[in-house]
Amino acid sequence: MANTPQARKRIRRNARRNEINGNRVSRIRTFVKKVEAALAAGDKGAAAEALKAAQPELARGVAKGVLHKNMAARKFSRLTKRVSALG
């Protein structure tokens, strides 16, 4: 158990940050799922629009430190490739 006031504060802070970061990752996953759903439906226009909306979300996740830079780049690259191959 935390014995110092600083350690107690860190526990409170970490719990808050964990919730916020979890919400951020969940939001990003939702945007990526919209792209994948449009790809599965075969709708290139909707997939392109969803990808356009997902890209800034992935970038924001990297900027906030909840996603690794290379993971976001890889995911965006693969989605872009799949959307362009749809046509």
PDB file of N, CA and C in Angstrom:
ATOM      1  N   MET A   1       0.847  -1.186   0.000  1.00  0.00           N
ATOM      2  CA  MET A   1       0.000   0.000   0.000  1.00  0.00           C
ATOM      3  C   MET A   1       0.886   1.241   0.000  1.00  0.00           C
ATOM      4  N   ALA A   2       0.372   2.301  -0.609  1.00  0.00           N
ATOM      5  CA  ALA A   2       1.132   3.544  -0.697  1.00  0.00           C
ATOM      6  C   ALA A   2       1.240   4.188   0.682  1.00  0.00           C
ATOM      7  N   ASN A   3       2.456   4.567   1.027  1.00  0.00           N
ATOM      8  CA  ASN A   3       2.690   5.138   2.348  1.00  0.00           C
ATOM      9  C   ASN A   3       2.881   6.648   2.324  1.00  0.00           C
ATOM     10  N   THR A   4       3.341   7.178   1.219  1.00  0.00           N
ATOM     11  CA  THR A   4       3.606   8.620   1.168  1.00  0.00           C
ATOM     12  C   THR A   4       2.447   9.340   0.485  1.00  0.00           C
ATOM     13  N   PRO A   5       2.267  10.604   0.800  1.00  0.00           N
ATOM     14  CA  PRO A   5       1.209  11.373   0.128  1.00  0.00           C
ATOM     15  C   PRO A   5       1.400  11.407  -1.391  1.00  0.00           C
ATOM     16  N   GLN A   6       2.643  11.481  -1.819  1.00  0.00           N
ATOM     17  CA  GLN A   6       2.918  11.515  -3.253  1.00  0.00           C
ATOM     18  C   GLN A   6       2.475  10.215  -3.923  1.00  0.00           C
ATOM     19  N   ALA A   7       2.749   9.088  -3.265  1.00  0.00           N
ATOM     20  CA  ALA A   7       2.366   7.794  -3.831  1.00  0.00           C
ATOM     21  C   ALA A   7       0.852   7.657  -3.892  1.00  0.00           C
ATOM     22  N   ARG A   8       0.166   8.159  -2.868  1.00  0.00           N
ATOM     23  CA  ARG A   8      -1.312   8.126  -2.878  1.00  0.00           C
ATOM     24  C   ARG A   8      -1.855   8.967  -4.028  1.00  0.00           C
ATOM     25  N   LYS A   9      -1.254  10.140  -4.234  1.00  0.00           N
ATOM     26  CA  LYS A   9      -1.689  11.017  -5.319  1.00  0.00           C
ATOM     27  C   LYS A   9      -1.446  10.350  -6.676  1.00  0.00           C
ATOM     28  N   ARG A  10      -0.309   9.678  -6.816  1.00  0.00           N
ATOM     29  CA  ARG A  10      -0.007   9.003  -8.071  1.00  0.00           C
ATOM     30  C   ARG A  10      -1.035   7.899  -8.364  1.00  0.00           C
ATOM     31  N   ILE A  11      -1.468   7.202  -7.341  1.00  0.00           N
ATOM     32  CA  ILE A  11      -2.477   6.162  -7.531  1.00  0.00           C
ATOM     33  C   ILE A  11      -3.779   6.783  -8.040  1.00  0.00           C
ATOM     34  N   ARG A  12      -4.182   7.903  -7.436  1.00  0.00           N
ATOM     35  CA  ARG A  12      -5.411   8.579  -7.887  1.00  0.00           C
ATOM     36  C   ARG A  12      -5.255   9.067  -9.317  1.00  0.00           C
ATOM     37  N   ARG A  13      -4.118   9.674  -9.610  1.00  0.00           N
ATOM     38  CA  ARG A  13      -3.868  10.234 -10.923  1.00  0.00           C
ATOM     39  C   ARG A  13      -3.810   9.127 -11.981  1.00  0.00           C
ATOM     40  N   ASN A  14      -3.124   8.042 -11.654  1.00  0.00           N
ATOM     41  CA  ASN A  14      -3.009   6.940 -12.613  1.00  0.00           C
ATOM     42  C   ASN A  14      -4.372   6.337 -12.942  1.00  0.00           C
ATOM     43  N   ALA A  15      -5.243   6.269 -11.955  1.00  0.00           N
ATOM     44  CA  ALA A  15      -6.588   5.739 -12.199  1.00  0.00           C
ATOM     45  C   ALA A  15      -7.355   6.645 -13.158  1.00  0.00           C
ATOM     46  N   ARG A  16      -7.250   7.958 -12.967  1.00  0.00           N
ATOM     47  CA  ARG A  16      -7.927   8.907 -13.865  1.00  0.00           C
ATOM     48  C   ARG A  16      -7.361   8.816 -15.279  1.00  0.00           C
ATOM     49  N   ARG A  17      -6.028   8.779 -15.392  1.00  0.00           N
ATOM     50  CA  ARG A  17      -5.395   8.729 -16.709  1.00  0.00           C
ATOM     51  C   ARG A  17      -5.740   7.420 -17.423  1.00  0.00           C
ATOM     52  N   ASN A  18      -5.814   6.329 -16.659  1.00  0.00           N
ATOM     53  CA  ASN A  18      -6.152   5.038 -17.243  1.00  0.00           C
ATOM     54  C   ASN A  18      -7.545   5.079 -17.873  1.00  0.00           C
ATOM     55  N   GLU A  19      -8.473   5.708 -17.192  1.00  0.00           N
ATOM     56  CA  GLU A  19      -9.837   5.820 -17.724  1.00  0.00           C
ATOM     57  C   GLU A  19      -9.857   6.673 -18.991  1.00  0.00           C
ATOM     58  N   ILE A  20      -9.176   7.817 -18.953  1.00  0.00           N
ATOM     59  CA  ILE A  20      -9.138   8.721 -20.101  1.00  0.00           C
ATOM     60  C   ILE A  20      -8.477   8.047 -21.298  1.00  0.00           C
ATOM     61  N   ASN A  21      -7.328   7.397 -21.051  1.00  0.00           N
ATOM     62  CA  ASN A  21      -6.610   6.743 -22.145  1.00  0.00           C
ATOM     63  C   ASN A  21      -7.408   5.571 -22.706  1.00  0.00           C
ATOM     64  N   GLY A  22      -8.119   4.862 -21.842  1.00  0.00           N
ATOM     65  CA  GLY A  22      -8.973   3.775 -22.314  1.00  0.00           C
ATOM     66  C   GLY A  22     -10.070   4.287 -23.230  1.00  0.00           C
ATOM     67  N   ASN A  23     -10.648   5.430 -22.873  1.00  0.00           N
ATOM     68  CA  ASN A  23     -11.671   6.041 -23.722  1.00  0.00           C
ATOM     69  C   ASN A  23     -11.089   6.457 -25.067  1.00  0.00           C
ATOM     70  N   ARG A  24      -9.870   6.985 -25.049  1.00  0.00           N
ATOM     71  CA  ARG A  24      -9.230   7.405 -26.297  1.00  0.00           C
ATOM     72  C   ARG A  24      -9.007   6.210 -27.224  1.00  0.00           C
ATOM     73  N   VAL A  25      -8.468   5.126 -26.672  1.00  0.00           N
ATOM     74  CA  VAL A  25      -8.193   3.937 -27.490  1.00  0.00           C
ATOM     75  C   VAL A  25      -9.506   3.365 -28.028  1.00  0.00           C
ATOM     76  N   SER A  26     -10.536   3.361 -27.214  1.00  0.00           N
ATOM     77  CA  SER A  26     -11.840   2.854 -27.634  1.00  0.00           C
ATOM     78  C   SER A  26     -12.397   3.678 -28.792  1.00  0.00           C
ATOM     79  N   ARG A  27     -12.247   4.985 -28.707  1.00  0.00           N
ATOM     80  CA  ARG A  27     -12.724   5.883 -29.761  1.00  0.00           C
ATOM     81  C   ARG A  27     -11.981   5.606 -31.069  1.00  0.00           C
ATOM     82  N   ILE A  28     -10.673   5.405 -30.978  1.00  0.00           N
ATOM     83  CA  ILE A  28      -9.872   5.126 -32.172  1.00  0.00           C
ATOM     84  C   ILE A  28     -10.307   3.807 -32.795  1.00  0.00           C
ATOM     85  N   ARG A  29     -10.518   2.782 -31.945  1.00  0.00           N
ATOM     86  CA  ARG A  29     -10.949   1.481 -32.456  1.00  0.00           C
ATOM     87  C   ARG A  29     -12.292   1.591 -33.179  1.00  0.00           C
ATOM     88  N   THR A  30     -13.182   2.430 -32.665  1.00  0.00           N
ATOM     89  CA  THR A  30     -14.490   2.618 -33.296  1.00  0.00           C
ATOM     90  C   THR A  30     -14.330   3.187 -34.699  1.00  0.00           C
ATOM     91  N   PHE A  31     -13.456   4.189 -34.852  1.00  0.00           N
ATOM     92  CA  PHE A  31     -13.231   4.783 -36.170  1.00  0.00           C
ATOM     93  C   PHE A  31     -12.638   3.763 -37.139  1.00  0.00           C
ATOM     94  N   VAL A  32     -11.714   2.937 -36.644  1.00  0.00           N
ATOM     95  CA  VAL A  32     -11.096   1.911 -37.498  1.00  0.00           C
ATOM     96  C   VAL A  32     -12.138   0.865 -37.889  1.00  0.00           C
ATOM     97  N   LYS A  33     -13.018   0.504 -36.953  1.00  0.00           N
ATOM     98  CA  LYS A  33     -14.064  -0.473 -37.256  1.00  0.00           C
ATOM     99  C   LYS A  33     -15.019   0.042 -38.326  1.00  0.00           C
ATOM    100  N   LYS A  34     -15.277   1.354 -38.343  1.00  0.00           N
ATOM    101  CA  LYS A  34     -16.144   1.924 -39.378  1.00  0.00           C
ATOM    102  C   LYS A  34     -15.524   1.742 -40.757  1.00  0.00           C
ATOM    103  N   VAL A  35     -14.211   1.920 -40.841  1.00  0.00           N
ATOM    104  CA  VAL A  35     -13.517   1.705 -42.119  1.00  0.00           C
ATOM    105  C   VAL A  35     -13.625   0.238 -42.522  1.00  0.00           C
ATOM    106  N   GLU A  36     -13.377  -0.661 -41.569  1.00  0.00           N
ATOM    107  CA  GLU A  36     -13.414  -2.093 -41.872  1.00  0.00           C
ATOM    108  C   GLU A  36     -14.818  -2.555 -42.250  1.00  0.00           C
ATOM    109  N   ALA A  37     -15.833  -1.967 -41.625  1.00  0.00           N
ATOM    110  CA  ALA A  37     -17.214  -2.322 -41.973  1.00  0.00           C
ATOM    111  C   ALA A  37     -17.536  -1.886 -43.397  1.00  0.00           C
ATOM    112  N   ALA A  38     -17.086  -0.684 -43.777  1.00  0.00           N
ATOM    113  CA  ALA A  38     -17.320  -0.198 -45.139  1.00  0.00           C
ATOM    114  C   ALA A  38     -16.559  -1.056 -46.149  1.00  0.00           C
ATOM    115  N   LEU A  39     -15.369  -1.506 -45.774  1.00  0.00           N
ATOM    116  CA  LEU A  39     -14.595  -2.397 -46.656  1.00  0.00           C
ATOM    117  C   LEU A  39     -15.313  -3.731 -46.835  1.00  0.00           C
ATOM    118  N   ALA A  40     -15.838  -4.253 -45.742  1.00  0.00           N
ATOM    119  CA  ALA A  40     -16.546  -5.529 -45.809  1.00  0.00           C
ATOM    120  C   ALA A  40     -17.800  -5.415 -46.668  1.00  0.00           C
ATOM    121  N   ALA A  41     -18.446  -4.246 -46.628  1.00  0.00           N
ATOM    122  CA  ALA A  41     -19.644  -4.034 -47.435  1.00  0.00           C
ATOM    123  C   ALA A  41     -19.294  -3.781 -48.897  1.00  0.00           C
ATOM    124  N   GLY A  42     -18.029  -3.472 -49.176  1.00  0.00           N
ATOM    125  CA  GLY A  42     -17.606  -3.211 -50.549  1.00  0.00           C
ATOM    126  C   GLY A  42     -17.923  -1.817 -51.029  1.00  0.00           C
ATOM    127  N   ASP A  43     -18.183  -0.903 -50.118  1.00  0.00           N
ATOM    128  CA  ASP A  43     -18.535   0.478 -50.473  1.00  0.00           C
ATOM    129  C   ASP A  43     -17.283   1.348 -50.428  1.00  0.00           C
ATOM    130  N   LYS A  44     -16.709   1.612 -51.598  1.00  0.00           N
ATOM    131  CA  LYS A  44     -15.439   2.351 -51.646  1.00  0.00           C
ATOM    132  C   LYS A  44     -15.599   3.793 -51.170  1.00  0.00           C
ATOM    133  N   GLY A  45     -16.700   4.445 -51.528  1.00  0.00           N
ATOM    134  CA  GLY A  45     -16.918   5.834 -51.113  1.00  0.00           C
ATOM    135  C   GLY A  45     -17.011   5.969 -49.604  1.00  0.00           C
ATOM    136  N   ALA A  46     -17.804   5.098 -48.996  1.00  0.00           N
ATOM    137  CA  ALA A  46     -17.959   5.141 -47.538  1.00  0.00           C
ATOM    138  C   ALA A  46     -16.655   4.771 -46.847  1.00  0.00           C
ATOM    139  N   ALA A  47     -15.924   3.817 -47.420  1.00  0.00           N
ATOM    140  CA  ALA A  47     -14.646   3.412 -46.830  1.00  0.00           C
ATOM    141  C   ALA A  47     -13.641   4.556 -46.881  1.00  0.00           C
ATOM    142  N   ALA A  48     -13.624   5.279 -48.011  1.00  0.00           N
ATOM    143  CA  ALA A  48     -12.703   6.410 -48.152  1.00  0.00           C
ATOM    144  C   ALA A  48     -13.041   7.512 -47.155  1.00  0.00           C
ATOM    145  N   GLU A  49     -14.337   7.778 -46.987  1.00  0.00           N
ATOM    146  CA  GLU A  49     -14.759   8.808 -46.023  1.00  0.00           C
ATOM    147  C   GLU A  49     -14.411   8.395 -44.594  1.00  0.00           C
ATOM    148  N   ALA A  50     -14.655   7.129 -44.272  1.00  0.00           N
ATOM    149  CA  ALA A  50     -14.348   6.637 -42.928  1.00  0.00           C
ATOM    150  C   ALA A  50     -12.850   6.672 -42.673  1.00  0.00           C
ATOM    151  N   LEU A  51     -12.062   6.358 -43.697  1.00  0.00           N
ATOM    152  CA  LEU A  51     -10.601   6.406 -43.557  1.00  0.00           C
ATOM    153  C   LEU A  51     -10.128   7.838 -43.335  1.00  0.00           C
ATOM    154  N   LYS A  52     -10.763   8.765 -44.038  1.00  0.00           N
ATOM    155  CA  LYS A  52     -10.425  10.185 -43.882  1.00  0.00           C
ATOM    156  C   LYS A  52     -10.716  10.662 -42.454  1.00  0.00           C
ATOM    157  N   ALA A  53     -11.747  10.108 -41.839  1.00  0.00           N
ATOM    158  CA  ALA A  53     -12.087  10.454 -40.457  1.00  0.00           C
ATOM    159  C   ALA A  53     -11.194   9.727 -39.456  1.00  0.00           C
ATOM    160  N   ALA A  54     -10.742   8.529 -39.808  1.00  0.00           N
ATOM    161  CA  ALA A  54      -9.934   7.731 -38.881  1.00  0.00           C
ATOM    162  C   ALA A  54      -8.493   8.222 -38.792  1.00  0.00           C
ATOM    163  N   GLN A  55      -7.967   8.776 -39.874  1.00  0.00           N
ATOM    164  CA  GLN A  55      -6.563   9.185 -39.895  1.00  0.00           C
ATOM    165  C   GLN A  55      -6.224  10.211 -38.815  1.00  0.00           C
ATOM    166  N   PRO A  56      -7.001  11.293 -38.648  1.00  0.00           N
ATOM    167  CA  PRO A  56      -6.675  12.235 -37.572  1.00  0.00           C
ATOM    168  C   PRO A  56      -6.829  11.619 -36.182  1.00  0.00           C
ATOM    169  N   GLU A  57      -7.748  10.674 -36.041  1.00  0.00           N
ATOM    170  CA  GLU A  57      -7.916  10.012 -34.740  1.00  0.00           C
ATOM    171  C   GLU A  57      -6.681   9.192 -34.394  1.00  0.00           C
ATOM    172  N   LEU A  58      -6.143   8.476 -35.376  1.00  0.00           N
ATOM    173  CA  LEU A  58      -4.917   7.713 -35.150  1.00  0.00           C
ATOM    174  C   LEU A  58      -3.764   8.657 -34.800  1.00  0.00           C
ATOM    175  N   ALA A  59      -3.668   9.768 -35.528  1.00  0.00           N
ATOM    176  CA  ALA A  59      -2.593  10.741 -35.271  1.00  0.00           C
ATOM    177  C   ALA A  59      -2.727  11.340 -33.876  1.00  0.00           C
ATOM    178  N   ARG A  60      -3.964  11.595 -33.456  1.00  0.00           N
ATOM    179  CA  ARG A  60      -4.195  12.157 -32.117  1.00  0.00           C
ATOM    180  C   ARG A  60      -3.808  11.147 -31.040  1.00  0.00           C
ATOM    181  N   GLY A  61      -4.084   9.877 -31.300  1.00  0.00           N
ATOM    182  CA  GLY A  61      -3.687   8.831 -30.362  1.00  0.00           C
ATOM    183  C   GLY A  61      -2.180   8.776 -30.182  1.00  0.00           C
ATOM    184  N   VAL A  62      -1.453   8.972 -31.274  1.00  0.00           N
ATOM    185  CA  VAL A  62       0.012   9.000 -31.203  1.00  0.00           C
ATOM    186  C   VAL A  62       0.466  10.230 -30.418  1.00  0.00           C
ATOM    187  N   ALA A  63      -0.140  11.370 -30.716  1.00  0.00           N
ATOM    188  CA  ALA A  63       0.250  12.614 -30.050  1.00  0.00           C
ATOM    189  C   ALA A  63      -0.017  12.556 -28.544  1.00  0.00           C
ATOM    190  N   LYS A  64      -1.102  11.879 -28.154  1.00  0.00           N
ATOM    191  CA  LYS A  64      -1.451  11.774 -26.740  1.00  0.00           C
ATOM    192  C   LYS A  64      -0.681  10.666 -26.027  1.00  0.00           C
ATOM    193  N   GLY A  65       0.019   9.836 -26.802  1.00  0.00           N
ATOM    194  CA  GLY A  65       0.843   8.801 -26.204  1.00  0.00           C
ATOM    195  C   GLY A  65       0.118   7.508 -25.891  1.00  0.00           C
ATOM    196  N   VAL A  66      -1.064   7.296 -26.460  1.00  0.00           N
ATOM    197  CA  VAL A  66      -1.777   6.041 -26.196  1.00  0.00           C
ATOM    198  C   VAL A  66      -1.513   4.993 -27.277  1.00  0.00           C
ATOM    199  N   LEU A  67      -0.971   5.432 -28.422  1.00  0.00           N
ATOM    200  CA  LEU A  67      -0.612   4.510 -29.493  1.00  0.00           C
ATOM    201  C   LEU A  67       0.846   4.722 -29.869  1.00  0.00           C
ATOM    202  N   HIS A  68       1.494   3.657 -30.281  1.00  0.00           N
ATOM    203  CA  HIS A  68       2.857   3.785 -30.787  1.00  0.00           C
ATOM    204  C   HIS A  68       2.800   4.345 -32.203  1.00  0.00           C
ATOM    205  N   LYS A  69       3.757   5.193 -32.517  1.00  0.00           N
ATOM    206  CA  LYS A  69       3.797   5.863 -33.818  1.00  0.00           C
ATOM    207  C   LYS A  69       3.793   4.867 -34.974  1.00  0.00           C
ATOM    208  N   ASN A  70       4.621   3.836 -34.876  1.00  0.00           N
ATOM    209  CA  ASN A  70       4.719   2.868 -35.970  1.00  0.00           C
ATOM    210  C   ASN A  70       3.455   2.026 -36.095  1.00  0.00           C
ATOM    211  N   MET A  71       2.796   1.747 -34.978  1.00  0.00           N
ATOM    212  CA  MET A  71       1.559   0.970 -35.025  1.00  0.00           C
ATOM    213  C   MET A  71       0.480   1.754 -35.760  1.00  0.00           C
ATOM    214  N   ALA A  72       0.370   3.039 -35.473  1.00  0.00           N
ATOM    215  CA  ALA A  72      -0.631   3.866 -36.142  1.00  0.00           C
ATOM    216  C   ALA A  72      -0.307   3.999 -37.628  1.00  0.00           C
ATOM    217  N   ALA A  73       0.961   4.176 -37.946  1.00  0.00           N
ATOM    218  CA  ALA A  73       1.368   4.299 -39.349  1.00  0.00           C
ATOM    219  C   ALA A  73       1.073   3.003 -40.102  1.00  0.00           C
ATOM    220  N   ARG A  74       1.364   1.871 -39.472  1.00  0.00           N
ATOM    221  CA  ARG A  74       1.124   0.568 -40.104  1.00  0.00           C
ATOM    222  C   ARG A  74      -0.372   0.354 -40.344  1.00  0.00           C
ATOM    223  N   LYS A  75      -1.183   0.684 -39.336  1.00  0.00           N
ATOM    224  CA  LYS A  75      -2.630   0.495 -39.452  1.00  0.00           C
ATOM    225  C   LYS A  75      -3.195   1.385 -40.559  1.00  0.00           C
ATOM    226  N   PHE A  76      -2.763   2.637 -40.598  1.00  0.00           N
ATOM    227  CA  PHE A  76      -3.256   3.556 -41.618  1.00  0.00           C
ATOM    228  C   PHE A  76      -2.819   3.105 -43.011  1.00  0.00           C
ATOM    229  N   SER A  77      -1.589   2.642 -43.110  1.00  0.00           N
ATOM    230  CA  SER A  77      -1.068   2.172 -44.393  1.00  0.00           C
ATOM    231  C   SER A  77      -1.872   0.977 -44.900  1.00  0.00           C
ATOM    232  N   ARG A  78      -2.120   0.022 -44.026  1.00  0.00           N
ATOM    233  CA  ARG A  78      -2.850  -1.184 -44.431  1.00  0.00           C
ATOM    234  C   ARG A  78      -4.290  -0.865 -44.817  1.00  0.00           C
ATOM    235  N   LEU A  79      -4.924   0.039 -44.055  1.00  0.00           N
ATOM    236  CA  LEU A  79      -6.305   0.422 -44.388  1.00  0.00           C
ATOM    237  C   LEU A  79      -6.342   1.160 -45.718  1.00  0.00           C
ATOM    238  N   THR A  80      -5.382   2.048 -45.943  1.00  0.00           N
ATOM    239  CA  THR A  80      -5.323   2.804 -47.193  1.00  0.00           C
ATOM    240  C   THR A  80      -5.163   1.857 -48.374  1.00  0.00           C
ATOM    241  N   LYS A  81      -4.299   0.876 -48.213  1.00  0.00           N
ATOM    242  CA  LYS A  81      -4.056  -0.102 -49.274  1.00  0.00           C
ATOM    243  C   LYS A  81      -5.330  -0.883 -49.599  1.00  0.00           C
ATOM    244  N   ARG A  82      -6.055  -1.271 -48.546  1.00  0.00           N
ATOM    245  CA  ARG A  82      -7.290  -2.029 -48.747  1.00  0.00           C
ATOM    246  C   ARG A  82      -8.377  -1.176 -49.417  1.00  0.00           C
ATOM    247  N   VAL A  83      -8.458   0.114 -49.033  1.00  0.00           N
ATOM    248  CA  VAL A  83      -9.469   1.001 -49.631  1.00  0.00           C
ATOM    249  C   VAL A  83      -9.149   1.233 -51.103  1.00  0.00           C
ATOM    250  N   SER A  84      -7.878   1.465 -51.422  1.00  0.00           N
ATOM    251  CA  SER A  84      -7.516   1.731 -52.820  1.00  0.00           C
ATOM    252  C   SER A  84      -7.668   0.478 -53.693  1.00  0.00           C
ATOM    253  N   ALA A  85      -7.496  -0.706 -53.094  1.00  0.00           N
ATOM    254  CA  ALA A  85      -7.657  -1.945 -53.851  1.00  0.00           C
ATOM    255  C   ALA A  85      -9.130  -2.281 -54.100  1.00  0.00           C
ATOM    256  N   LEU A  86     -10.020  -1.599 -53.414  1.00  0.00           N
ATOM    257  CA  LEU A  86     -11.440  -1.890 -53.531  1.00  0.00           C
ATOM    258  C   LEU A  86     -12.001  -1.525 -54.900  1.00  0.00           C
ATOM    259  N   GLY A  87     -11.428  -0.514 -55.511  1.00  0.00           N
ATOM    260  CA  GLY A  87     -11.953  -0.035 -56.792  1.00  0.00           C
ATOM    261  C   GLY A  87     -11.634  -0.909 -57.927  1.00  0.00           C
TER     262      GLY A  87
END
